[in-house]
Amino acid sequence: MPLPDVAELLGVSVTRVHQMLRDNQLLAVRRDGVAAVPDVFFADRAVVKPLPGLITVMRDAKYTDEEILEWMFTEDDTLPGTPVQALHGHLAREVVRRAAANPL
């Protein structure tokens, strides 16, 4: 989801989205030179609540943004799907706990 679309979804300015990226509330990837945020990071027109904490825990453990995204989108047989999908349900705390327990 391009940053202007994120801003529209959240009802904020694009500069606020850039601030959210700097504040570890979101992560973006570049596709064909355009910064975009995965749409799975949102629910009910808001950032999934545990996401900023997960990003902070993983950055504190010295993961790069690319490593964080790779980990979040890698299938995990012990979860139903991927860690990012589990953030939407009752396993969100478990996902953050696992990220904190497995530093680089």
N, C-alpha and C. Protein backbone atom coordinates (compact mmCIF):
# COMPACT_ATOMS: atom_id res chain seq x y z
N MET A 1 0.86 -1.16 0.00
CA MET A 1 0.00 0.00 0.00
C MET A 1 0.92 1.24 0.00
N PRO A 2 0.86 2.06 -1.05
CA PRO A 2 1.69 3.27 -1.09
C PRO A 2 1.37 4.21 0.08
N LEU A 3 2.35 5.03 0.46
CA LEU A 3 2.20 5.89 1.63
C LEU A 3 1.00 6.83 1.55
N PRO A 4 0.68 7.42 0.38
CA PRO A 4 -0.53 8.25 0.33
C PRO A 4 -1.80 7.45 0.64
N ASP A 5 -1.84 6.19 0.23
CA ASP A 5 -3.00 5.34 0.54
C ASP A 5 -3.06 5.02 2.03
N VAL A 6 -1.90 4.82 2.65
CA VAL A 6 -1.85 4.59 4.10
C VAL A 6 -2.40 5.81 4.82
N ALA A 7 -1.96 7.00 4.38
CA ALA A 7 -2.44 8.24 5.00
C ALA A 7 -3.95 8.35 4.89
N GLU A 8 -4.48 8.04 3.72
CA GLU A 8 -5.93 8.10 3.53
C GLU A 8 -6.65 7.09 4.41
N LEU A 9 -6.14 5.88 4.47
CA LEU A 9 -6.75 4.84 5.31
C LEU A 9 -6.81 5.26 6.77
N LEU A 10 -5.71 5.84 7.26
CA LEU A 10 -5.61 6.21 8.67
C LEU A 10 -6.21 7.59 8.96
N GLY A 11 -6.51 8.35 7.90
CA GLY A 11 -7.06 9.68 8.10
C GLY A 11 -6.03 10.68 8.62
N VAL A 12 -4.78 10.52 8.16
CA VAL A 12 -3.70 11.41 8.57
C VAL A 12 -2.97 11.91 7.33
N SER A 13 -2.03 12.83 7.52
CA SER A 13 -1.25 13.34 6.41
C SER A 13 -0.12 12.36 6.05
N VAL A 14 0.40 12.50 4.85
CA VAL A 14 1.53 11.66 4.45
C VAL A 14 2.74 11.94 5.33
N THR A 15 2.91 13.19 5.76
CA THR A 15 4.04 13.48 6.66
C THR A 15 3.88 12.75 7.99
N ARG A 16 2.65 12.56 8.43
CA ARG A 16 2.42 11.79 9.67
C ARG A 16 2.79 10.32 9.45
N VAL A 17 2.52 9.79 8.27
CA VAL A 17 2.91 8.41 7.96
C VAL A 17 4.44 8.29 7.99
N HIS A 18 5.14 9.27 7.43
CA HIS A 18 6.61 9.27 7.49
C HIS A 18 7.08 9.29 8.94
N GLN A 19 6.42 10.07 9.79
CA GLN A 19 6.77 10.10 11.21
C GLN A 19 6.52 8.74 11.86
N MET A 20 5.43 8.09 11.49
CA MET A 20 5.12 6.76 12.03
C MET A 20 6.21 5.76 11.64
N LEU A 21 6.75 5.90 10.45
CA LEU A 21 7.84 5.03 10.01
C LEU A 21 9.09 5.31 10.87
N ARG A 22 9.39 6.57 11.11
CA ARG A 22 10.56 6.93 11.94
C ARG A 22 10.38 6.48 13.39
N ASP A 23 9.13 6.47 13.87
CA ASP A 23 8.83 6.14 15.27
C ASP A 23 8.62 4.65 15.51
N ASN A 24 8.96 3.81 14.54
CA ASN A 24 8.82 2.35 14.66
C ASN A 24 7.37 1.87 14.76
N GLN A 25 6.43 2.68 14.31
CA GLN A 25 5.04 2.24 14.33
C GLN A 25 4.68 1.47 13.08
N LEU A 26 5.45 1.65 12.02
CA LEU A 26 5.24 0.98 10.74
C LEU A 26 6.58 0.65 10.10
N LEU A 27 6.55 -0.26 9.13
CA LEU A 27 7.69 -0.54 8.28
C LEU A 27 7.23 -0.41 6.83
N ALA A 28 8.13 0.04 5.98
CA ALA A 28 7.81 0.14 4.56
C ALA A 28 8.88 -0.58 3.76
N VAL A 29 8.50 -1.02 2.59
CA VAL A 29 9.43 -1.62 1.64
C VAL A 29 9.37 -0.81 0.36
N ARG A 30 10.42 -0.86 -0.41
CA ARG A 30 10.44 -0.16 -1.70
C ARG A 30 10.15 -1.16 -2.80
N ARG A 31 9.17 -0.85 -3.62
CA ARG A 31 8.82 -1.65 -4.80
C ARG A 31 8.88 -0.71 -5.99
N ASP A 32 9.79 -0.99 -6.90
CA ASP A 32 9.97 -0.13 -8.07
C ASP A 32 10.20 1.32 -7.65
N GLY A 33 10.95 1.52 -6.58
CA GLY A 33 11.29 2.85 -6.11
C GLY A 33 10.23 3.54 -5.29
N VAL A 34 9.08 2.89 -5.07
CA VAL A 34 7.97 3.49 -4.33
C VAL A 34 7.87 2.83 -2.96
N ALA A 35 7.88 3.64 -1.90
CA ALA A 35 7.74 3.11 -0.54
C ALA A 35 6.30 2.67 -0.34
N ALA A 36 6.15 1.47 0.23
CA ALA A 36 4.81 0.92 0.48
C ALA A 36 4.81 0.16 1.79
N VAL A 37 3.65 0.11 2.41
CA VAL A 37 3.46 -0.58 3.68
C VAL A 37 2.54 -1.77 3.43
N PRO A 38 2.90 -2.97 3.92
CA PRO A 38 2.02 -4.12 3.72
C PRO A 38 0.63 -3.86 4.31
N ASP A 39 -0.41 -4.18 3.54
CA ASP A 39 -1.77 -3.91 4.01
C ASP A 39 -2.19 -4.78 5.18
N VAL A 40 -1.47 -5.87 5.42
CA VAL A 40 -1.78 -6.74 6.55
C VAL A 40 -1.42 -6.07 7.89
N PHE A 41 -0.74 -4.94 7.85
CA PHE A 41 -0.39 -4.19 9.06
C PHE A 41 -1.57 -3.41 9.61
N PHE A 42 -2.72 -3.46 8.93
CA PHE A 42 -3.88 -2.66 9.33
C PHE A 42 -5.11 -3.52 9.57
N ALA A 43 -5.95 -3.04 10.48
CA ALA A 43 -7.26 -3.64 10.74
C ALA A 43 -8.16 -2.52 11.23
N ASP A 44 -9.36 -2.49 10.73
CA ASP A 44 -10.34 -1.48 11.16
C ASP A 44 -9.79 -0.06 11.05
N ARG A 45 -9.13 0.23 9.92
CA ARG A 45 -8.63 1.57 9.62
C ARG A 45 -7.60 2.07 10.65
N ALA A 46 -6.85 1.13 11.24
CA ALA A 46 -5.82 1.48 12.22
C ALA A 46 -4.67 0.48 12.09
N VAL A 47 -3.52 0.86 12.64
CA VAL A 47 -2.37 -0.05 12.70
C VAL A 47 -2.71 -1.15 13.69
N VAL A 48 -2.40 -2.40 13.34
CA VAL A 48 -2.62 -3.51 14.26
C VAL A 48 -1.87 -3.20 15.55
N LYS A 49 -2.55 -3.23 16.65
CA LYS A 49 -2.03 -2.72 17.93
C LYS A 49 -0.65 -3.27 18.33
N PRO A 50 -0.38 -4.57 18.22
CA PRO A 50 0.94 -5.06 18.67
C PRO A 50 2.10 -4.77 17.72
N LEU A 51 1.82 -4.27 16.52
CA LEU A 51 2.88 -4.08 15.52
C LEU A 51 3.99 -3.13 15.98
N PRO A 52 3.70 -1.94 16.49
CA PRO A 52 4.80 -1.06 16.91
C PRO A 52 5.71 -1.70 17.97
N GLY A 53 5.13 -2.41 18.91
CA GLY A 53 5.93 -3.08 19.93
C GLY A 53 6.83 -4.15 19.33
N LEU A 54 6.30 -4.91 18.39
CA LEU A 54 7.08 -5.95 17.73
C LEU A 54 8.25 -5.32 16.96
N ILE A 55 7.98 -4.27 16.23
CA ILE A 55 9.05 -3.59 15.48
C ILE A 55 10.13 -3.10 16.43
N THR A 56 9.74 -2.48 17.52
CA THR A 56 10.71 -1.96 18.49
C THR A 56 11.55 -3.08 19.09
N VAL A 57 10.91 -4.17 19.49
CA VAL A 57 11.63 -5.31 20.07
C VAL A 57 12.66 -5.85 19.08
N MET A 58 12.26 -5.98 17.83
CA MET A 58 13.17 -6.54 16.84
C MET A 58 14.29 -5.56 16.46
N ARG A 59 13.99 -4.29 16.39
CA ARG A 59 15.05 -3.30 16.12
C ARG A 59 16.03 -3.25 17.30
N ASP A 60 15.51 -3.33 18.52
CA ASP A 60 16.39 -3.36 19.70
C ASP A 60 17.32 -4.57 19.67
N ALA A 61 16.85 -5.67 19.05
CA ALA A 61 17.66 -6.88 18.93
C ALA A 61 18.57 -6.83 17.70
N LYS A 62 18.63 -5.66 17.07
CA LYS A 62 19.53 -5.39 15.93
C LYS A 62 19.10 -6.02 14.62
N TYR A 63 17.82 -6.37 14.49
CA TYR A 63 17.31 -6.83 13.19
C TYR A 63 17.20 -5.62 12.26
N THR A 64 17.52 -5.83 10.99
CA THR A 64 17.29 -4.79 9.99
C THR A 64 15.80 -4.82 9.61
N ASP A 65 15.35 -3.78 8.95
CA ASP A 65 13.95 -3.76 8.50
C ASP A 65 13.66 -4.95 7.58
N GLU A 66 14.61 -5.27 6.71
CA GLU A 66 14.42 -6.40 5.80
C GLU A 66 14.30 -7.71 6.56
N GLU A 67 15.14 -7.90 7.60
CA GLU A 67 15.08 -9.12 8.40
C GLU A 67 13.77 -9.19 9.18
N ILE A 68 13.31 -8.05 9.68
CA ILE A 68 12.03 -8.02 10.41
C ILE A 68 10.90 -8.46 9.49
N LEU A 69 10.87 -7.87 8.30
CA LEU A 69 9.80 -8.21 7.35
C LEU A 69 9.88 -9.67 6.93
N GLU A 70 11.09 -10.15 6.70
CA GLU A 70 11.24 -11.57 6.32
C GLU A 70 10.72 -12.48 7.43
N TRP A 71 11.08 -12.20 8.67
CA TRP A 71 10.63 -13.01 9.80
C TRP A 71 9.10 -12.96 9.94
N MET A 72 8.56 -11.75 9.79
CA MET A 72 7.11 -11.58 9.97
C MET A 72 6.30 -12.31 8.91
N PHE A 73 6.85 -12.47 7.71
CA PHE A 73 6.10 -13.06 6.61
C PHE A 73 6.52 -14.50 6.29
N THR A 74 7.34 -15.11 7.15
CA THR A 74 7.76 -16.49 6.96
C THR A 74 6.78 -17.42 7.68
N GLU A 75 6.28 -18.41 6.95
CA GLU A 75 5.36 -19.39 7.54
C GLU A 75 5.98 -20.01 8.79
N ASP A 76 5.15 -20.21 9.80
CA ASP A 76 5.57 -20.82 11.06
C ASP A 76 4.56 -21.91 11.39
N ASP A 77 5.02 -23.15 11.41
CA ASP A 77 4.13 -24.29 11.64
C ASP A 77 3.50 -24.28 13.03
N THR A 78 4.11 -23.55 13.98
CA THR A 78 3.57 -23.52 15.33
C THR A 78 2.54 -22.41 15.50
N LEU A 79 2.38 -21.61 14.48
CA LEU A 79 1.35 -20.57 14.46
C LEU A 79 0.39 -20.88 13.31
N PRO A 80 -0.79 -20.34 13.36
CA PRO A 80 -1.64 -20.49 12.18
C PRO A 80 -1.21 -19.49 11.11
N GLY A 81 -0.25 -19.88 10.28
CA GLY A 81 0.21 -18.99 9.23
C GLY A 81 1.54 -18.36 9.54
N THR A 82 1.59 -17.03 9.44
CA THR A 82 2.82 -16.29 9.65
C THR A 82 2.71 -15.44 10.91
N PRO A 83 3.84 -14.98 11.45
CA PRO A 83 3.76 -14.10 12.62
C PRO A 83 2.91 -12.85 12.38
N VAL A 84 2.98 -12.26 11.20
CA VAL A 84 2.19 -11.06 10.95
C VAL A 84 0.69 -11.37 10.96
N GLN A 85 0.31 -12.54 10.50
CA GLN A 85 -1.10 -12.93 10.56
C GLN A 85 -1.53 -13.16 12.01
N ALA A 86 -0.62 -13.72 12.81
CA ALA A 86 -0.93 -13.99 14.21
C ALA A 86 -1.10 -12.71 15.02
N LEU A 87 -0.54 -11.60 14.55
CA LEU A 87 -0.71 -10.32 15.25
C LEU A 87 -2.17 -9.89 15.30
N HIS A 88 -2.98 -10.45 14.44
CA HIS A 88 -4.40 -10.08 14.36
C HIS A 88 -5.27 -10.89 15.33
N GLY A 89 -4.67 -11.80 16.07
CA GLY A 89 -5.47 -12.64 16.94
C GLY A 89 -4.91 -12.78 18.33
N HIS A 90 -5.33 -13.84 18.99
CA HIS A 90 -4.96 -14.06 20.39
C HIS A 90 -3.49 -14.46 20.58
N LEU A 91 -2.77 -14.73 19.49
CA LEU A 91 -1.37 -15.11 19.61
C LEU A 91 -0.40 -13.93 19.45
N ALA A 92 -0.92 -12.73 19.43
CA ALA A 92 -0.08 -11.55 19.22
C ALA A 92 1.02 -11.44 20.28
N ARG A 93 0.69 -11.63 21.53
CA ARG A 93 1.71 -11.54 22.60
C ARG A 93 2.77 -12.62 22.43
N GLU A 94 2.36 -13.79 21.98
CA GLU A 94 3.30 -14.88 21.74
C GLU A 94 4.28 -14.51 20.63
N VAL A 95 3.80 -13.86 19.61
CA VAL A 95 4.68 -13.43 18.51
C VAL A 95 5.72 -12.44 19.03
N VAL A 96 5.32 -11.46 19.81
CA VAL A 96 6.26 -10.48 20.36
C VAL A 96 7.22 -11.17 21.32
N ARG A 97 6.74 -12.10 22.11
CA ARG A 97 7.61 -12.84 23.04
C ARG A 97 8.68 -13.61 22.26
N ARG A 98 8.28 -14.29 21.20
CA ARG A 98 9.24 -15.05 20.40
C ARG A 98 10.29 -14.14 19.77
N ALA A 99 9.86 -12.99 19.31
CA ALA A 99 10.81 -12.04 18.71
C ALA A 99 11.82 -11.58 19.75
N ALA A 100 11.38 -11.33 20.97
CA ALA A 100 12.27 -10.89 22.03
C ALA A 100 13.19 -12.00 22.48
N ALA A 101 12.75 -13.24 22.43
CA ALA A 101 13.54 -14.38 22.91
C ALA A 101 14.58 -14.85 21.90
N ASN A 102 14.50 -14.40 20.67
CA ASN A 102 15.41 -14.88 19.63
C ASN A 102 16.19 -13.75 18.97
N PRO A 103 17.02 -13.04 19.74
CA PRO A 103 17.81 -11.97 19.12
C PRO A 103 18.85 -12.53 18.17
N LEU A 104 19.32 -11.67 17.28
CA LEU A 104 20.37 -12.09 16.33
C LEU A 104 21.64 -12.46 17.05
